């Protein structure tokens, strides 16, 4: 199951994802995130209440972060995403996310 809730202001939305960040929900996740980055170049992703992730979510993150005009920040990343990134050799992606997310609560 996946839930997507929007908090914050329209200028700086906080998109809170809850549930599984997996292939089963990839289209839904992708559509929700694209909707938000289309209307605001500033976006905060809250993944704290997610329970698992797979490579499809990592691909979505890579695509989101490729556009230098987007200002995307993250609340602290959940352990399952850190473990997945380490297991697939995406350590540099996680370091990049952590660097751009410093100071986000």
PDB file of N, CA and C in Angstrom:
ATOM      1  N   UNK A   1       0.842  -1.179   0.000  1.00  0.00           N
ATOM      2  CA  UNK A   1       0.000   0.000   0.000  1.00  0.00           C
ATOM      3  C   UNK A   1       0.887   1.241   0.000  1.00  0.00           C
ATOM      4  N   UNK A   2       0.397   2.289  -0.639  1.00  0.00           N
ATOM      5  CA  UNK A   2       1.126   3.555  -0.696  1.00  0.00           C
ATOM      6  C   UNK A   2       0.154   4.696  -0.470  1.00  0.00           C
ATOM      7  N   UNK A   3       0.588   5.656   0.331  1.00  0.00           N
ATOM      8  CA  UNK A   3      -0.175   6.869   0.558  1.00  0.00           C
ATOM      9  C   UNK A   3       0.727   8.052   0.263  1.00  0.00           C
ATOM     10  N   UNK A   4       0.176   9.043  -0.422  1.00  0.00           N
ATOM     11  CA  UNK A   4       0.921  10.257  -0.736  1.00  0.00           C
ATOM     12  C   UNK A   4       0.131  11.446  -0.208  1.00  0.00           C
ATOM     13  N   UNK A   5       0.731  12.188   0.712  1.00  0.00           N
ATOM     14  CA  UNK A   5       0.089  13.345   1.324  1.00  0.00           C
ATOM     15  C   UNK A   5       0.947  14.570   1.061  1.00  0.00           C
ATOM     16  N   UNK A   6       0.299  15.688   0.783  1.00  0.00           N
ATOM     17  CA  UNK A   6       1.031  16.927   0.561  1.00  0.00           C
ATOM     18  C   UNK A   6       0.821  17.860   1.740  1.00  0.00           C
ATOM     19  N   UNK A   7       1.923  18.328   2.294  1.00  0.00           N
ATOM     20  CA  UNK A   7       1.912  19.276   3.402  1.00  0.00           C
ATOM     21  C   UNK A   7       2.665  20.519   2.955  1.00  0.00           C
ATOM     22  N   UNK A   8       2.795  21.481   3.821  1.00  0.00           N
ATOM     23  CA  UNK A   8       3.552  22.681   3.491  1.00  0.00           C
ATOM     24  C   UNK A   8       2.764  23.631   2.622  1.00  0.00           C
ATOM     25  N   UNK A   9       3.468  24.509   1.940  1.00  0.00           N
ATOM     26  CA  UNK A   9       2.824  25.523   1.100  1.00  0.00           C
ATOM     27  C   UNK A   9       2.953  25.129  -0.373  1.00  0.00           C
ATOM     28  N   UNK A  10       2.139  25.741  -1.238  1.00  0.00           N
ATOM     29  CA  UNK A  10       2.265  25.451  -2.669  1.00  0.00           C
ATOM     30  C   UNK A  10       3.649  25.808  -3.224  1.00  0.00           C
ATOM     31  N   UNK A  11       4.300  26.810  -2.626  1.00  0.00           N
ATOM     32  CA  UNK A  11       5.619  27.221  -3.088  1.00  0.00           C
ATOM     33  C   UNK A  11       6.712  26.243  -2.649  1.00  0.00           C
ATOM     34  N   UNK A  12       6.489  25.569  -1.536  1.00  0.00           N
ATOM     35  CA  UNK A  12       7.465  24.603  -1.008  1.00  0.00           C
ATOM     36  C   UNK A  12       6.709  23.419  -0.404  1.00  0.00           C
ATOM     37  N   UNK A  13       6.166  22.583  -1.274  1.00  0.00           N
ATOM     38  CA  UNK A  13       5.401  21.443  -0.767  1.00  0.00           C
ATOM     39  C   UNK A  13       6.291  20.388  -0.119  1.00  0.00           C
ATOM     40  N   UNK A  14       5.725  19.730   0.862  1.00  0.00           N
ATOM     41  CA  UNK A  14       6.359  18.573   1.477  1.00  0.00           C
ATOM     42  C   UNK A  14       5.512  17.378   1.074  1.00  0.00           C
ATOM     43  N   UNK A  15       6.105  16.490   0.316  1.00  0.00           N
ATOM     44  CA  UNK A  15       5.390  15.305  -0.138  1.00  0.00           C
ATOM     45  C   UNK A  15       5.787  14.157   0.783  1.00  0.00           C
ATOM     46  N   UNK A  16       4.796  13.671   1.524  1.00  0.00           N
ATOM     47  CA  UNK A  16       5.029  12.589   2.484  1.00  0.00           C
ATOM     48  C   UNK A  16       4.525  11.293   1.863  1.00  0.00           C
ATOM     49  N   UNK A  17       5.451  10.383   1.636  1.00  0.00           N
ATOM     50  CA  UNK A  17       5.093   9.071   1.125  1.00  0.00           C
ATOM     51  C   UNK A  17       5.088   8.093   2.284  1.00  0.00           C
ATOM     52  N   UNK A  18       4.066   7.247   2.317  1.00  0.00           N
ATOM     53  CA  UNK A  18       3.941   6.231   3.356  1.00  0.00           C
ATOM     54  C   UNK A  18       3.658   4.902   2.678  1.00  0.00           C
ATOM     55  N   UNK A  19       4.323   3.858   3.138  1.00  0.00           N
ATOM     56  CA  UNK A  19       4.105   2.536   2.567  1.00  0.00           C
ATOM     57  C   UNK A  19       5.331   2.036   1.847  1.00  0.00           C
ATOM     58  N   UNK A  20       5.108   1.312   0.758  1.00  0.00           N
ATOM     59  CA  UNK A  20       6.188   0.654   0.025  1.00  0.00           C
ATOM     60  C   UNK A  20       6.582   1.426  -1.223  1.00  0.00           C
ATOM     61  N   UNK A  21       7.863   1.719  -1.338  1.00  0.00           N
ATOM     62  CA  UNK A  21       8.405   2.427  -2.496  1.00  0.00           C
ATOM     63  C   UNK A  21       8.946   1.385  -3.471  1.00  0.00           C
ATOM     64  N   UNK A  22       8.035   0.647  -4.065  1.00  0.00           N
ATOM     65  CA  UNK A  22       8.411  -0.493  -4.890  1.00  0.00           C
ATOM     66  C   UNK A  22       7.784  -0.409  -6.277  1.00  0.00           C
ATOM     67  N   UNK A  23       8.197  -1.322  -7.142  1.00  0.00           N
ATOM     68  CA  UNK A  23       7.727  -1.370  -8.516  1.00  0.00           C
ATOM     69  C   UNK A  23       6.203  -1.358  -8.590  1.00  0.00           C
ATOM     70  N   UNK A  24       5.573  -2.017  -7.669  1.00  0.00           N
ATOM     71  CA  UNK A  24       4.116  -2.071  -7.624  1.00  0.00           C
ATOM     72  C   UNK A  24       3.495  -0.671  -7.609  1.00  0.00           C
ATOM     73  N   UNK A  25       4.183   0.290  -7.011  1.00  0.00           N
ATOM     74  CA  UNK A  25       3.668   1.653  -6.865  1.00  0.00           C
ATOM     75  C   UNK A  25       4.451   2.680  -7.674  1.00  0.00           C
ATOM     76  N   UNK A  26       5.355   2.227  -8.517  1.00  0.00           N
ATOM     77  CA  UNK A  26       6.257   3.138  -9.228  1.00  0.00           C
ATOM     78  C   UNK A  26       5.519   4.179 -10.058  1.00  0.00           C
ATOM     79  N   UNK A  27       4.508   3.782 -10.797  1.00  0.00           N
ATOM     80  CA  UNK A  27       3.766   4.757 -11.623  1.00  0.00           C
ATOM     81  C   UNK A  27       3.084   5.807 -10.761  1.00  0.00           C
ATOM     82  N   UNK A  28       2.503   5.370  -9.670  1.00  0.00           N
ATOM     83  CA  UNK A  28       1.813   6.284  -8.763  1.00  0.00           C
ATOM     84  C   UNK A  28       2.799   7.266  -8.121  1.00  0.00           C
ATOM     85  N   UNK A  29       3.937   6.757  -7.678  1.00  0.00           N
ATOM     86  CA  UNK A  29       4.968   7.607  -7.082  1.00  0.00           C
ATOM     87  C   UNK A  29       5.481   8.608  -8.106  1.00  0.00           C
ATOM     88  N   UNK A  30       5.806   8.114  -9.280  1.00  0.00           N
ATOM     89  CA  UNK A  30       6.334   8.960 -10.347  1.00  0.00           C
ATOM     90  C   UNK A  30       5.342  10.071 -10.694  1.00  0.00           C
ATOM     91  N   UNK A  31       4.079   9.725 -10.879  1.00  0.00           N
ATOM     92  CA  UNK A  31       3.050  10.715 -11.228  1.00  0.00           C
ATOM     93  C   UNK A  31       2.889  11.760 -10.133  1.00  0.00           C
ATOM     94  N   UNK A  32       2.869  11.323  -8.886  1.00  0.00           N
ATOM     95  CA  UNK A  32       2.697  12.260  -7.770  1.00  0.00           C
ATOM     96  C   UNK A  32       3.871  13.228  -7.681  1.00  0.00           C
ATOM     97  N   UNK A  33       5.082  12.723  -7.824  1.00  0.00           N
ATOM     98  CA  UNK A  33       6.253  13.587  -7.718  1.00  0.00           C
ATOM     99  C   UNK A  33       6.359  14.529  -8.915  1.00  0.00           C
ATOM    100  N   UNK A  34       6.062  14.039 -10.101  1.00  0.00           N
ATOM    101  CA  UNK A  34       6.091  14.911 -11.277  1.00  0.00           C
ATOM    102  C   UNK A  34       5.073  16.041 -11.169  1.00  0.00           C
ATOM    103  N   UNK A  35       3.914  15.729 -10.633  1.00  0.00           N
ATOM    104  CA  UNK A  35       2.886  16.756 -10.439  1.00  0.00           C
ATOM    105  C   UNK A  35       3.414  17.886  -9.564  1.00  0.00           C
ATOM    106  N   UNK A  36       4.100  17.531  -8.506  1.00  0.00           N
ATOM    107  CA  UNK A  36       4.595  18.541  -7.581  1.00  0.00           C
ATOM    108  C   UNK A  36       5.774  19.323  -8.136  1.00  0.00           C
ATOM    109  N   UNK A  37       6.704  18.660  -8.800  1.00  0.00           N
ATOM    110  CA  UNK A  37       7.846  19.399  -9.336  1.00  0.00           C
ATOM    111  C   UNK A  37       7.442  20.242 -10.539  1.00  0.00           C
ATOM    112  N   UNK A  38       6.337  19.896 -11.172  1.00  0.00           N
ATOM    113  CA  UNK A  38       5.846  20.707 -12.287  1.00  0.00           C
ATOM    114  C   UNK A  38       5.368  22.080 -11.797  1.00  0.00           C
ATOM    115  N   UNK A  39       4.750  22.101 -10.622  1.00  0.00           N
ATOM    116  CA  UNK A  39       4.195  23.350 -10.093  1.00  0.00           C
ATOM    117  C   UNK A  39       5.149  24.112  -9.192  1.00  0.00           C
ATOM    118  N   UNK A  40       6.125  23.437  -8.639  1.00  0.00           N
ATOM    119  CA  UNK A  40       7.067  24.097  -7.750  1.00  0.00           C
ATOM    120  C   UNK A  40       8.447  23.464  -7.900  1.00  0.00           C
ATOM    121  N   UNK A  41       9.458  24.266  -8.181  1.00  0.00           N
ATOM    122  CA  UNK A  41      10.805  23.705  -8.296  1.00  0.00           C
ATOM    123  C   UNK A  41      11.406  23.350  -6.932  1.00  0.00           C
ATOM    124  N   UNK A  42      10.754  23.762  -5.843  1.00  0.00           N
ATOM    125  CA  UNK A  42      11.215  23.471  -4.488  1.00  0.00           C
ATOM    126  C   UNK A  42      10.319  22.391  -3.903  1.00  0.00           C
ATOM    127  N   UNK A  43      10.908  21.312  -3.499  1.00  0.00           N
ATOM    128  CA  UNK A  43      10.146  20.169  -3.023  1.00  0.00           C
ATOM    129  C   UNK A  43      10.912  19.472  -1.914  1.00  0.00           C
ATOM    130  N   UNK A  44      10.192  19.074  -0.868  1.00  0.00           N
ATOM    131  CA  UNK A  44      10.782  18.284   0.209  1.00  0.00           C
ATOM    132  C   UNK A  44      10.092  16.924   0.194  1.00  0.00           C
ATOM    133  N   UNK A  45      10.887  15.861   0.172  1.00  0.00           N
ATOM    134  CA  UNK A  45      10.345  14.508   0.240  1.00  0.00           C
ATOM    135  C   UNK A  45      10.529  13.952   1.640  1.00  0.00           C
ATOM    136  N   UNK A  46       9.435  13.508   2.228  1.00  0.00           N
ATOM    137  CA  UNK A  46       9.456  12.878   3.544  1.00  0.00           C
ATOM    138  C   UNK A  46       9.191  11.396   3.329  1.00  0.00           C
ATOM    139  N   UNK A  47      10.211  10.580   3.516  1.00  0.00           N
ATOM    140  CA  UNK A  47      10.112   9.139   3.303  1.00  0.00           C
ATOM    141  C   UNK A  47      10.170   8.370   4.616  1.00  0.00           C
ATOM    142  N   UNK A  48      10.046   9.079   5.723  1.00  0.00           N
ATOM    143  CA  UNK A  48      10.222   8.482   7.042  1.00  0.00           C
ATOM    144  C   UNK A  48       9.250   7.387   7.402  1.00  0.00           C
ATOM    145  N   UNK A  49       8.071   7.395   6.803  1.00  0.00           N
ATOM    146  CA  UNK A  49       7.069   6.376   7.127  1.00  0.00           C
ATOM    147  C   UNK A  49       6.940   5.322   6.037  1.00  0.00           C
ATOM    148  N   UNK A  50       8.011   5.121   5.276  1.00  0.00           N
ATOM    149  CA  UNK A  50       7.998   4.064   4.272  1.00  0.00           C
ATOM    150  C   UNK A  50       8.636   2.816   4.860  1.00  0.00           C
ATOM    151  N   UNK A  51       8.222   1.658   4.356  1.00  0.00           N
ATOM    152  CA  UNK A  51       8.707   0.419   4.961  1.00  0.00           C
ATOM    153  C   UNK A  51       9.669  -0.379   4.088  1.00  0.00           C
ATOM    154  N   UNK A  52       9.667  -0.136   2.780  1.00  0.00           N
ATOM    155  CA  UNK A  52      10.629  -0.815   1.915  1.00  0.00           C
ATOM    156  C   UNK A  52      10.734  -0.079   0.592  1.00  0.00           C
ATOM    157  N   UNK A  53      11.824  -0.360  -0.113  1.00  0.00           N
ATOM    158  CA  UNK A  53      12.060   0.277  -1.410  1.00  0.00           C
ATOM    159  C   UNK A  53      12.781  -0.714  -2.306  1.00  0.00           C
ATOM    160  N   UNK A  54      12.721  -0.440  -3.608  1.00  0.00           N
ATOM    161  CA  UNK A  54      13.466  -1.264  -4.548  1.00  0.00           C
ATOM    162  C   UNK A  54      14.115  -0.363  -5.601  1.00  0.00           C
ATOM    163  N   UNK A  55      14.743  -0.976  -6.573  1.00  0.00           N
ATOM    164  CA  UNK A  55      15.500  -0.235  -7.574  1.00  0.00           C
ATOM    165  C   UNK A  55      14.615   0.736  -8.357  1.00  0.00           C
ATOM    166  N   UNK A  56      13.349   0.435  -8.523  1.00  0.00           N
ATOM    167  CA  UNK A  56      12.471   1.353  -9.258  1.00  0.00           C
ATOM    168  C   UNK A  56      12.407   2.713  -8.576  1.00  0.00           C
ATOM    169  N   UNK A  57      12.418   2.738  -7.251  1.00  0.00           N
ATOM    170  CA  UNK A  57      12.385   4.017  -6.553  1.00  0.00           C
ATOM    171  C   UNK A  57      13.710   4.755  -6.690  1.00  0.00           C
ATOM    172  N   UNK A  58      14.800   4.021  -6.654  1.00  0.00           N
ATOM    173  CA  UNK A  58      16.108   4.652  -6.858  1.00  0.00           C
ATOM    174  C   UNK A  58      16.155   5.308  -8.237  1.00  0.00           C
ATOM    175  N   UNK A  59      15.597   4.658  -9.247  1.00  0.00           N
ATOM    176  CA  UNK A  59      15.550   5.234 -10.590  1.00  0.00           C
ATOM    177  C   UNK A  59      14.732   6.521 -10.615  1.00  0.00           C
ATOM    178  N   UNK A  60      13.635   6.542  -9.894  1.00  0.00           N
ATOM    179  CA  UNK A  60      12.814   7.760  -9.812  1.00  0.00           C
ATOM    180  C   UNK A  60      13.624   8.883  -9.162  1.00  0.00           C
ATOM    181  N   UNK A  61      14.346   8.571  -8.101  1.00  0.00           N
ATOM    182  CA  UNK A  61      15.170   9.585  -7.431  1.00  0.00           C
ATOM    183  C   UNK A  61      16.239  10.133  -8.367  1.00  0.00           C
ATOM    184  N   UNK A  62      16.902   9.254  -9.086  1.00  0.00           N
ATOM    185  CA  UNK A  62      17.944   9.692 -10.021  1.00  0.00           C
ATOM    186  C   UNK A  62      17.346  10.640 -11.057  1.00  0.00           C
ATOM    187  N   UNK A  63      16.193  10.296 -11.598  1.00  0.00           N
ATOM    188  CA  UNK A  63      15.545  11.152 -12.599  1.00  0.00           C
ATOM    189  C   UNK A  63      15.170  12.510 -12.015  1.00  0.00           C
ATOM    190  N   UNK A  64      14.660  12.520 -10.798  1.00  0.00           N
ATOM    191  CA  UNK A  64      14.291  13.788 -10.163  1.00  0.00           C
ATOM    192  C   UNK A  64      15.500  14.679  -9.931  1.00  0.00           C
ATOM    193  N   UNK A  65      16.595  14.086  -9.526  1.00  0.00           N
ATOM    194  CA  UNK A  65      17.778  14.865  -9.168  1.00  0.00           C
ATOM    195  C   UNK A  65      18.609  15.298 -10.373  1.00  0.00           C
ATOM    196  N   UNK A  66      18.316  14.765 -11.554  1.00  0.00           N
ATOM    197  CA  UNK A  66      19.090  15.125 -12.745  1.00  0.00           C
ATOM    198  C   UNK A  66      18.867  16.564 -13.189  1.00  0.00           C
ATOM    199  N   UNK A  67      17.703  17.111 -12.918  1.00  0.00           N
ATOM    200  CA  UNK A  67      17.380  18.464 -13.353  1.00  0.00           C
ATOM    201  C   UNK A  67      17.941  19.471 -12.346  1.00  0.00           C
ATOM    202  N   UNK A  68      18.959  20.253 -12.746  1.00  0.00           N
ATOM    203  CA  UNK A  68      19.579  21.188 -11.801  1.00  0.00           C
ATOM    204  C   UNK A  68      18.677  22.362 -11.409  1.00  0.00           C
ATOM    205  N   UNK A  69      17.586  22.568 -12.132  1.00  0.00           N
ATOM    206  CA  UNK A  69      16.671  23.663 -11.793  1.00  0.00           C
ATOM    207  C   UNK A  69      15.730  23.289 -10.662  1.00  0.00           C
ATOM    208  N   UNK A  70      15.681  22.022 -10.316  1.00  0.00           N
ATOM    209  CA  UNK A  70      14.825  21.576  -9.216  1.00  0.00           C
ATOM    210  C   UNK A  70      15.604  21.629  -7.916  1.00  0.00           C
ATOM    211  N   UNK A  71      14.945  22.102  -6.887  1.00  0.00           N
ATOM    212  CA  UNK A  71      15.530  22.157  -5.553  1.00  0.00           C
ATOM    213  C   UNK A  71      14.792  21.129  -4.710  1.00  0.00           C
ATOM    214  N   UNK A  72      15.317  19.922  -4.669  1.00  0.00           N
ATOM    215  CA  UNK A  72      14.657  18.830  -3.967  1.00  0.00           C
ATOM    216  C   UNK A  72      15.466  18.484  -2.732  1.00  0.00           C
ATOM    217  N   UNK A  73      14.773  18.458  -1.600  1.00  0.00           N
ATOM    218  CA  UNK A  73      15.398  18.109  -0.327  1.00  0.00           C
ATOM    219  C   UNK A  73      14.684  16.897   0.246  1.00  0.00           C
ATOM    220  N   UNK A  74      15.314  16.277   1.206  1.00  0.00           N
ATOM    221  CA  UNK A  74      14.768  15.084   1.831  1.00  0.00           C
ATOM    222  C   UNK A  74      14.854  15.222   3.337  1.00  0.00           C
ATOM    223  N   UNK A  75      13.847  14.711   4.025  1.00  0.00           N
ATOM    224  CA  UNK A  75      13.974  14.545   5.458  1.00  0.00           C
ATOM    225  C   UNK A  75      14.908  13.352   5.641  1.00  0.00           C
ATOM    226  N   UNK A  76      15.351  13.048   6.844  1.00  0.00           N
ATOM    227  CA  UNK A  76      16.271  11.916   6.985  1.00  0.00           C
ATOM    228  C   UNK A  76      15.752  10.664   6.272  1.00  0.00           C
ATOM    229  N   UNK A  77      16.670  10.017   5.567  1.00  0.00           N
ATOM    230  CA  UNK A  77      16.310   8.849   4.771  1.00  0.00           C
ATOM    231  C   UNK A  77      16.101   7.619   5.652  1.00  0.00           C
ATOM    232  N   UNK A  78      15.119   6.789   5.311  1.00  0.00           N
ATOM    233  CA  UNK A  78      14.868   5.584   6.106  1.00  0.00           C
ATOM    234  C   UNK A  78      15.967   4.544   5.892  1.00  0.00           C
ATOM    235  N   UNK A  79      16.208   3.712   6.892  1.00  0.00           N
ATOM    236  CA  UNK A  79      17.264   2.700   6.799  1.00  0.00           C
ATOM    237  C   UNK A  79      17.121   1.778   5.584  1.00  0.00           C
ATOM    238  N   UNK A  80      15.898   1.414   5.218  1.00  0.00           N
ATOM    239  CA  UNK A  80      15.744   0.484   4.098  1.00  0.00           C
ATOM    240  C   UNK A  80      16.274   1.076   2.796  1.00  0.00           C
ATOM    241  N   UNK A  81      16.154   2.380   2.623  1.00  0.00           N
ATOM    242  CA  UNK A  81      16.660   3.014   1.399  1.00  0.00           C
ATOM    243  C   UNK A  81      18.186   3.094   1.425  1.00  0.00           C
ATOM    244  N   UNK A  82      18.746   3.375   2.580  1.00  0.00           N
ATOM    245  CA  UNK A  82      20.203   3.400   2.718  1.00  0.00           C
ATOM    246  C   UNK A  82      20.799   2.014   2.457  1.00  0.00           C
ATOM    247  N   UNK A  83      20.145   0.987   2.983  1.00  0.00           N
ATOM    248  CA  UNK A  83      20.616  -0.389   2.773  1.00  0.00           C
ATOM    249  C   UNK A  83      20.505  -0.786   1.304  1.00  0.00           C
ATOM    250  N   UNK A  84      19.405  -0.424   0.662  1.00  0.00           N
ATOM    251  CA  UNK A  84      19.236  -0.736  -0.757  1.00  0.00           C
ATOM    252  C   UNK A  84      20.311  -0.050  -1.585  1.00  0.00           C
ATOM    253  N   UNK A  85      20.526   1.220  -1.340  1.00  0.00           N
ATOM    254  CA  UNK A  85      21.529   1.967  -2.105  1.00  0.00           C
ATOM    255  C   UNK A  85      22.908   1.343  -1.947  1.00  0.00           C
ATOM    256  N   UNK A  86      23.240   0.937  -0.737  1.00  0.00           N
ATOM    257  CA  UNK A  86      24.540   0.294  -0.512  1.00  0.00           C
ATOM    258  C   UNK A  86      24.635  -1.032  -1.259  1.00  0.00           C
ATOM    259  N   UNK A  87      23.536  -1.776  -1.298  1.00  0.00           N
ATOM    260  CA  UNK A  87      23.568  -3.097  -1.935  1.00  0.00           C
ATOM    261  C   UNK A  87      23.654  -3.028  -3.458  1.00  0.00           C
ATOM    262  N   UNK A  88      23.215  -1.911  -4.053  1.00  0.00           N
ATOM    263  CA  UNK A  88      23.262  -1.790  -5.522  1.00  0.00           C
ATOM    264  C   UNK A  88      24.352  -0.838  -5.996  1.00  0.00           C
ATOM    265  N   UNK A  89      25.168  -0.365  -5.074  1.00  0.00           N
ATOM    266  CA  UNK A  89      26.276   0.514  -5.454  1.00  0.00           C
ATOM    267  C   UNK A  89      25.860   1.945  -5.733  1.00  0.00           C
ATOM    268  N   UNK A  90      24.778   2.391  -5.128  1.00  0.00           N
ATOM    269  CA  UNK A  90      24.296   3.759  -5.330  1.00  0.00           C
ATOM    270  C   UNK A  90      24.711   4.670  -4.178  1.00  0.00           C
ATOM    271  N   UNK A  91      25.865   4.404  -3.606  1.00  0.00           N
ATOM    272  CA  UNK A  91      26.345   5.197  -2.471  1.00  0.00           C
ATOM    273  C   UNK A  91      26.490   6.672  -2.816  1.00  0.00           C
ATOM    274  N   UNK A  92      26.948   6.974  -4.037  1.00  0.00           N
ATOM    275  CA  UNK A  92      27.134   8.377  -4.416  1.00  0.00           C
ATOM    276  C   UNK A  92      25.792   9.107  -4.489  1.00  0.00           C
ATOM    277  N   UNK A  93      24.747   8.410  -4.903  1.00  0.00           N
ATOM    278  CA  UNK A  93      23.410   9.013  -4.931  1.00  0.00           C
ATOM    279  C   UNK A  93      22.984   9.380  -3.512  1.00  0.00           C
ATOM    280  N   UNK A  94      23.163   8.475  -2.586  1.00  0.00           N
ATOM    281  CA  UNK A  94      22.765   8.725  -1.201  1.00  0.00           C
ATOM    282  C   UNK A  94      23.596   9.859  -0.599  1.00  0.00           C
ATOM    283  N   UNK A  95      24.888   9.887  -0.878  1.00  0.00           N
ATOM    284  CA  UNK A  95      25.721  10.986  -0.377  1.00  0.00           C
ATOM    285  C   UNK A  95      25.229  12.314  -0.926  1.00  0.00           C
ATOM    286  N   UNK A  96      24.850  12.342  -2.197  1.00  0.00           N
ATOM    287  CA  UNK A  96      24.316  13.559  -2.806  1.00  0.00           C
ATOM    288  C   UNK A  96      23.026  13.983  -2.115  1.00  0.00           C
ATOM    289  N   UNK A  97      22.145  13.034  -1.880  1.00  0.00           N
ATOM    290  CA  UNK A  97      20.869  13.339  -1.215  1.00  0.00           C
ATOM    291  C   UNK A  97      21.125  13.867   0.194  1.00  0.00           C
ATOM    292  N   UNK A  98      22.023  13.251   0.920  1.00  0.00           N
ATOM    293  CA  UNK A  98      22.325  13.687   2.285  1.00  0.00           C
ATOM    294  C   UNK A  98      22.920  15.086   2.272  1.00  0.00           C
ATOM    295  N   UNK A  99      23.809  15.360   1.316  1.00  0.00           N
ATOM    296  CA  UNK A  99      24.418  16.686   1.232  1.00  0.00           C
ATOM    297  C   UNK A  99      23.392  17.776   0.942  1.00  0.00           C
ATOM    298  N   UNK A 100      22.454  17.520   0.039  1.00  0.00           N
ATOM    299  CA  UNK A 100      21.469  18.562  -0.297  1.00  0.00           C
ATOM    300  C   UNK A 100      20.373  18.664   0.758  1.00  0.00           C
ATOM    301  N   UNK A 101      20.304  17.672   1.632  1.00  0.00           N
ATOM    302  CA  UNK A 101      19.224  17.659   2.629  1.00  0.00           C
ATOM    303  C   UNK A 101      19.650  18.148   3.996  1.00  0.00           C
ATOM    304  N   UNK A 102      20.895  18.531   4.172  1.00  0.00           N
ATOM    305  CA  UNK A 102      21.332  18.997   5.483  1.00  0.00           C
ATOM    306  C   UNK A 102      20.482  20.170   5.926  1.00  0.00           C
ATOM    307  N   UNK A 103      20.006  20.073   7.146  1.00  0.00           N
ATOM    308  CA  UNK A 103      19.206  21.153   7.694  1.00  0.00           C
ATOM    309  C   UNK A 103      17.713  21.011   7.466  1.00  0.00           C
ATOM    310  N   UNK A 104      17.263  20.012   6.704  1.00  0.00           N
ATOM    311  CA  UNK A 104      15.830  19.795   6.486  1.00  0.00           C
ATOM    312  C   UNK A 104      15.293  18.976   7.633  1.00  0.00           C
ATOM    313  N   UNK A 105      14.243  19.445   8.223  1.00  0.00           N
ATOM    314  CA  UNK A 105      13.621  18.713   9.341  1.00  0.00           C
ATOM    315  C   UNK A 105      12.370  18.033   8.889  1.00  0.00           C
TER     316      UNK A 105
END
